[in-house]
Amino acid sequence: MKKTTLLAAAVSAAMALPAAAQEVALGLGYSDYHRETADDGAVFTLDYLHAPFHERGRLSARFGAALEVQDAGDIFAGVGISGVIDLNNDWFIETSVMPGAYHESSRENDLGSTFEIRSLLAVGKRFQNGKAVSLAISHKSNASTADENPGVNSLTLRWHIPLGG
């Protein structure tokens, strides 16, 4: 009976660990398009970051998805991979690459194609309750896969909320 209880507790804990490692990051920031005639403005972001599929020392890698909406109506949705390096005192560095689809609201905000890649670099601080705040800079472009590749940069303040924990 004792072994069964111990085994059940271990299985329950193992099942809960991946769920607790998932998180959502909500962001608010500013997007600056490379074209002078573009409609720069506020950007709202939602990232879902899955439980890590690889962990080694302070480094972890996980799959993720991103949704970004610019106040002019531009929309980006992508999926990809995210890496996190844990630093001392609950600080971390996050990076991600997420290819996806982009829809511009106007010709001025056209990035050259529907296919765009968002790369992100963030520095953050995790709190004792598991939540975190980070400051991220991101860039979207089509990596010169289209005739035009003007790109857009964003600076975003993000609030990370753990799921399942």
C-alpha atoms as a PDB file:
ATOM      1  CA  MET A   1       0.000   0.000   0.000  1.00  0.00           C
ATOM      2  CA  LYS A   2       2.827   2.375   0.882  1.00  0.00           C
ATOM      3  CA  LYS A   3       4.550   1.706  -2.480  1.00  0.00           C
ATOM      4  CA  THR A   4       1.288   2.262  -4.362  1.00  0.00           C
ATOM      5  CA  THR A   5       0.707   5.588  -2.598  1.00  0.00           C
ATOM      6  CA  LEU A   6       4.295   6.646  -3.267  1.00  0.00           C
ATOM      7  CA  LEU A   7       4.011   5.624  -6.931  1.00  0.00           C
ATOM      8  CA  ALA A   8       0.693   7.491  -7.305  1.00  0.00           C
ATOM      9  CA  ALA A   9       2.238  10.606  -5.730  1.00  0.00           C
ATOM     10  CA  ALA A  10       5.267  10.393  -8.044  1.00  0.00           C
ATOM     11  CA  VAL A  11       3.103   9.956 -11.169  1.00  0.00           C
ATOM     12  CA  SER A  12       0.858  12.859 -10.101  1.00  0.00           C
ATOM     13  CA  ALA A  13       3.866  15.096  -9.518  1.00  0.00           C
ATOM     14  CA  ALA A  14       5.408  14.135 -12.856  1.00  0.00           C
ATOM     15  CA  MET A  15       2.164  14.883 -14.675  1.00  0.00           C
ATOM     16  CA  ALA A  16       1.845  18.261 -12.945  1.00  0.00           C
ATOM     17  CA  LEU A  17       5.410  19.393 -13.755  1.00  0.00           C
ATOM     18  CA  PRO A  18       4.974  20.002 -17.485  1.00  0.00           C
ATOM     19  CA  ALA A  19       1.695  21.842 -16.922  1.00  0.00           C
ATOM     20  CA  ALA A  20       3.282  24.080 -14.311  1.00  0.00           C
ATOM     21  CA  ALA A  21       6.115  24.920 -16.706  1.00  0.00           C
ATOM     22  CA  GLN A  22       3.728  26.275 -19.335  1.00  0.00           C
ATOM     23  CA  GLU A  23       3.075  29.999 -19.403  1.00  0.00           C
ATOM     24  CA  VAL A  24       1.336  32.820 -21.190  1.00  0.00           C
ATOM     25  CA  ALA A  25       3.087  36.144 -21.758  1.00  0.00           C
ATOM     26  CA  LEU A  26       0.891  39.217 -22.318  1.00  0.00           C
ATOM     27  CA  GLY A  27       2.620  42.252 -23.757  1.00  0.00           C
ATOM     28  CA  LEU A  28       2.053  45.886 -24.559  1.00  0.00           C
ATOM     29  CA  GLY A  29       4.526  47.925 -26.558  1.00  0.00           C
ATOM     30  CA  TYR A  30       5.329  50.015 -29.599  1.00  0.00           C
ATOM     31  CA  SER A  31       6.035  48.945 -33.190  1.00  0.00           C
ATOM     32  CA  ASP A  32       8.284  50.956 -35.503  1.00  0.00           C
ATOM     33  CA  TYR A  33       8.017  50.048 -39.199  1.00  0.00           C
ATOM     34  CA  HIS A  34      11.043  50.666 -41.405  1.00  0.00           C
ATOM     35  CA  ARG A  35       9.021  52.509 -44.043  1.00  0.00           C
ATOM     36  CA  GLU A  36       8.661  56.242 -43.351  1.00  0.00           C
ATOM     37  CA  THR A  37       5.034  56.215 -44.544  1.00  0.00           C
ATOM     38  CA  ALA A  38       4.052  53.256 -42.325  1.00  0.00           C
ATOM     39  CA  ASP A  39       1.569  53.538 -39.478  1.00  0.00           C
ATOM     40  CA  ASP A  40       3.741  52.984 -36.367  1.00  0.00           C
ATOM     41  CA  GLY A  41       1.904  52.457 -33.092  1.00  0.00           C
ATOM     42  CA  ALA A  42       0.951  50.328 -30.133  1.00  0.00           C
ATOM     43  CA  VAL A  43       1.248  46.556 -30.303  1.00  0.00           C
ATOM     44  CA  PHE A  44      -0.507  43.966 -28.126  1.00  0.00           C
ATOM     45  CA  THR A  45       1.093  40.539 -27.842  1.00  0.00           C
ATOM     46  CA  LEU A  46       0.074  37.126 -26.552  1.00  0.00           C
ATOM     47  CA  ASP A  47       2.656  34.355 -26.391  1.00  0.00           C
ATOM     48  CA  TYR A  48       1.985  30.795 -25.292  1.00  0.00           C
ATOM     49  CA  LEU A  49       5.121  28.959 -24.173  1.00  0.00           C
ATOM     50  CA  HIS A  50       4.866  25.196 -23.674  1.00  0.00           C
ATOM     51  CA  ALA A  51       6.701  23.089 -21.115  1.00  0.00           C
ATOM     52  CA  PRO A  52      10.392  22.640 -21.973  1.00  0.00           C
ATOM     53  CA  PHE A  53      11.259  19.674 -24.175  1.00  0.00           C
ATOM     54  CA  HIS A  54      14.947  20.082 -23.348  1.00  0.00           C
ATOM     55  CA  GLU A  55      16.686  21.242 -20.187  1.00  0.00           C
ATOM     56  CA  ARG A  56      20.407  21.291 -19.519  1.00  0.00           C
ATOM     57  CA  GLY A  57      21.865  23.301 -16.682  1.00  0.00           C
ATOM     58  CA  ARG A  58      20.477  26.824 -16.911  1.00  0.00           C
ATOM     59  CA  LEU A  59      19.232  26.449 -20.499  1.00  0.00           C
ATOM     60  CA  SER A  60      15.798  25.219 -21.529  1.00  0.00           C
ATOM     61  CA  ALA A  61      14.110  24.967 -24.931  1.00  0.00           C
ATOM     62  CA  ARG A  62      10.379  24.849 -25.612  1.00  0.00           C
ATOM     63  CA  PHE A  63       7.826  25.253 -28.353  1.00  0.00           C
ATOM     64  CA  GLY A  64       5.657  28.329 -28.451  1.00  0.00           C
ATOM     65  CA  ALA A  65       3.108  30.365 -30.350  1.00  0.00           C
ATOM     66  CA  ALA A  66       2.670  34.099 -30.753  1.00  0.00           C
ATOM     67  CA  LEU A  67      -0.183  36.407 -31.686  1.00  0.00           C
ATOM     68  CA  GLU A  68       0.463  40.116 -32.218  1.00  0.00           C
ATOM     69  CA  VAL A  69      -2.046  42.830 -33.067  1.00  0.00           C
ATOM     70  CA  GLN A  70      -0.921  46.342 -33.927  1.00  0.00           C
ATOM     71  CA  ASP A  71      -3.365  49.181 -33.193  1.00  0.00           C
ATOM     72  CA  ALA A  72      -3.659  49.977 -36.922  1.00  0.00           C
ATOM     73  CA  GLY A  73      -5.004  46.439 -37.438  1.00  0.00           C
ATOM     74  CA  ASP A  74      -1.918  44.503 -38.554  1.00  0.00           C
ATOM     75  CA  ILE A  75      -1.931  40.893 -37.306  1.00  0.00           C
ATOM     76  CA  PHE A  76       0.837  38.313 -36.955  1.00  0.00           C
ATOM     77  CA  ALA A  77       0.467  34.686 -35.827  1.00  0.00           C
ATOM     78  CA  GLY A  78       3.427  32.343 -35.579  1.00  0.00           C
ATOM     79  CA  VAL A  79       4.740  29.154 -34.035  1.00  0.00           C
ATOM     80  CA  GLY A  80       8.301  28.215 -33.274  1.00  0.00           C
ATOM     81  CA  ILE A  81      10.883  27.613 -30.615  1.00  0.00           C
ATOM     82  CA  SER A  82      11.901  29.559 -27.522  1.00  0.00           C
ATOM     83  CA  GLY A  83      14.996  29.283 -25.389  1.00  0.00           C
ATOM     84  CA  VAL A  84      15.476  30.509 -21.837  1.00  0.00           C
ATOM     85  CA  ILE A  85      18.724  30.987 -19.944  1.00  0.00           C
ATOM     86  CA  ASP A  86      18.221  31.252 -16.191  1.00  0.00           C
ATOM     87  CA  LEU A  87      20.522  33.767 -14.532  1.00  0.00           C
ATOM     88  CA  ASN A  88      21.195  34.443 -10.856  1.00  0.00           C
ATOM     89  CA  ASN A  89      18.560  35.973  -8.535  1.00  0.00           C
ATOM     90  CA  ASP A  90      15.612  34.789 -10.718  1.00  0.00           C
ATOM     91  CA  TRP A  91      16.635  36.864 -13.756  1.00  0.00           C
ATOM     92  CA  PHE A  92      16.414  35.258 -17.192  1.00  0.00           C
ATOM     93  CA  ILE A  93      17.115  35.832 -20.863  1.00  0.00           C
ATOM     94  CA  GLU A  94      14.557  34.583 -23.386  1.00  0.00           C
ATOM     95  CA  THR A  95      14.958  34.290 -27.120  1.00  0.00           C
ATOM     96  CA  SER A  96      12.623  32.915 -29.754  1.00  0.00           C
ATOM     97  CA  VAL A  97      12.200  32.439 -33.481  1.00  0.00           C
ATOM     98  CA  MET A  98       8.628  32.074 -34.725  1.00  0.00           C
ATOM     99  CA  PRO A  99       7.808  31.845 -38.432  1.00  0.00           C
ATOM    100  CA  GLY A 100       4.219  32.690 -39.237  1.00  0.00           C
ATOM    101  CA  ALA A 101       1.627  34.609 -41.205  1.00  0.00           C
ATOM    102  CA  TYR A 102       1.279  38.391 -41.325  1.00  0.00           C
ATOM    103  CA  HIS A 103      -1.689  40.445 -42.523  1.00  0.00           C
ATOM    104  CA  GLU A 104      -1.215  44.173 -42.984  1.00  0.00           C
ATOM    105  CA  SER A 105      -4.013  46.678 -42.461  1.00  0.00           C
ATOM    106  CA  SER A 106      -2.723  49.057 -45.130  1.00  0.00           C
ATOM    107  CA  ARG A 107      -0.294  49.127 -48.031  1.00  0.00           C
ATOM    108  CA  GLU A 108       2.081  51.279 -45.977  1.00  0.00           C
ATOM    109  CA  ASN A 109       2.472  48.475 -43.407  1.00  0.00           C
ATOM    110  CA  ASP A 110       3.134  45.751 -45.998  1.00  0.00           C
ATOM    111  CA  LEU A 111       6.220  43.751 -44.979  1.00  0.00           C
ATOM    112  CA  GLY A 112       6.701  42.156 -48.397  1.00  0.00           C
ATOM    113  CA  SER A 113       4.861  38.864 -47.984  1.00  0.00           C
ATOM    114  CA  THR A 114       2.401  36.929 -45.862  1.00  0.00           C
ATOM    115  CA  PHE A 115       5.282  34.748 -44.616  1.00  0.00           C
ATOM    116  CA  GLU A 116       7.200  36.600 -41.882  1.00  0.00           C
ATOM    117  CA  ILE A 117       9.545  35.501 -39.105  1.00  0.00           C
ATOM    118  CA  ARG A 118       9.488  37.061 -35.650  1.00  0.00           C
ATOM    119  CA  SER A 119      12.720  36.944 -33.670  1.00  0.00           C
ATOM    120  CA  LEU A 120      12.655  38.073 -30.040  1.00  0.00           C
ATOM    121  CA  LEU A 121      15.153  38.803 -27.289  1.00  0.00           C
ATOM    122  CA  ALA A 122      13.943  39.555 -23.748  1.00  0.00           C
ATOM    123  CA  VAL A 123      15.400  40.107 -20.305  1.00  0.00           C
ATOM    124  CA  GLY A 124      13.135  39.344 -17.365  1.00  0.00           C
ATOM    125  CA  LYS A 125      12.743  38.822 -13.642  1.00  0.00           C
ATOM    126  CA  ARG A 126      10.764  35.941 -12.154  1.00  0.00           C
ATOM    127  CA  PHE A 127       8.928  36.446  -8.839  1.00  0.00           C
ATOM    128  CA  GLN A 128       8.413  33.931  -6.014  1.00  0.00           C
ATOM    129  CA  ASN A 129       4.820  33.260  -7.135  1.00  0.00           C
ATOM    130  CA  GLY A 130       6.097  32.091 -10.551  1.00  0.00           C
ATOM    131  CA  LYS A 131       4.941  35.166 -12.453  1.00  0.00           C
ATOM    132  CA  ALA A 132       7.510  37.274 -14.258  1.00  0.00           C
ATOM    133  CA  VAL A 133       7.998  40.554 -16.071  1.00  0.00           C
ATOM    134  CA  SER A 134      10.242  41.020 -19.096  1.00  0.00           C
ATOM    135  CA  LEU A 135      11.291  43.686 -21.554  1.00  0.00           C
ATOM    136  CA  ALA A 136      11.507  42.369 -25.111  1.00  0.00           C
ATOM    137  CA  ILE A 137      12.720  43.650 -28.419  1.00  0.00           C
ATOM    138  CA  SER A 138      11.468  41.814 -31.488  1.00  0.00           C
ATOM    139  CA  HIS A 139      11.880  42.034 -35.235  1.00  0.00           C
ATOM    140  CA  LYS A 140       9.595  40.746 -37.969  1.00  0.00           C
ATOM    141  CA  SER A 141      10.731  40.311 -41.556  1.00  0.00           C
ATOM    142  CA  ASN A 142      10.499  37.790 -44.358  1.00  0.00           C
ATOM    143  CA  ALA A 143      14.269  37.117 -44.252  1.00  0.00           C
ATOM    144  CA  SER A 144      14.575  38.345 -47.859  1.00  0.00           C
ATOM    145  CA  THR A 145      12.354  35.534 -49.172  1.00  0.00           C
ATOM    146  CA  ALA A 146      10.278  38.195 -51.007  1.00  0.00           C
ATOM    147  CA  ASP A 147      11.211  41.051 -53.347  1.00  0.00           C
ATOM    148  CA  GLU A 148      10.622  43.569 -50.551  1.00  0.00           C
ATOM    149  CA  ASN A 149      11.699  43.158 -46.923  1.00  0.00           C
ATOM    150  CA  PRO A 150      11.140  46.379 -44.943  1.00  0.00           C
ATOM    151  CA  GLY A 151      10.611  44.763 -41.508  1.00  0.00           C
ATOM    152  CA  VAL A 152       9.242  46.094 -38.237  1.00  0.00           C
ATOM    153  CA  ASN A 153      10.793  46.369 -34.768  1.00  0.00           C
ATOM    154  CA  SER A 154       8.834  46.305 -31.511  1.00  0.00           C
ATOM    155  CA  LEU A 155       9.675  47.064 -27.906  1.00  0.00           C
ATOM    156  CA  THR A 156       7.314  45.295 -25.497  1.00  0.00           C
ATOM    157  CA  LEU A 157       6.793  45.080 -21.745  1.00  0.00           C
ATOM    158  CA  ARG A 158       5.501  41.551 -21.006  1.00  0.00           C
ATOM    159  CA  TRP A 159       3.754  39.924 -18.048  1.00  0.00           C
ATOM    160  CA  HIS A 160       4.362  36.153 -17.783  1.00  0.00           C
ATOM    161  CA  ILE A 161       1.658  34.051 -16.122  1.00  0.00           C
ATOM    162  CA  PRO A 162       2.318  30.369 -15.330  1.00  0.00           C
ATOM    163  CA  LEU A 163      -0.416  27.891 -16.290  1.00  0.00           C
ATOM    164  CA  GLY A 164      -1.512  24.847 -14.362  1.00  0.00           C
ATOM    165  CA  GLY A 165       0.383  25.676 -11.223  1.00  0.00           C
END
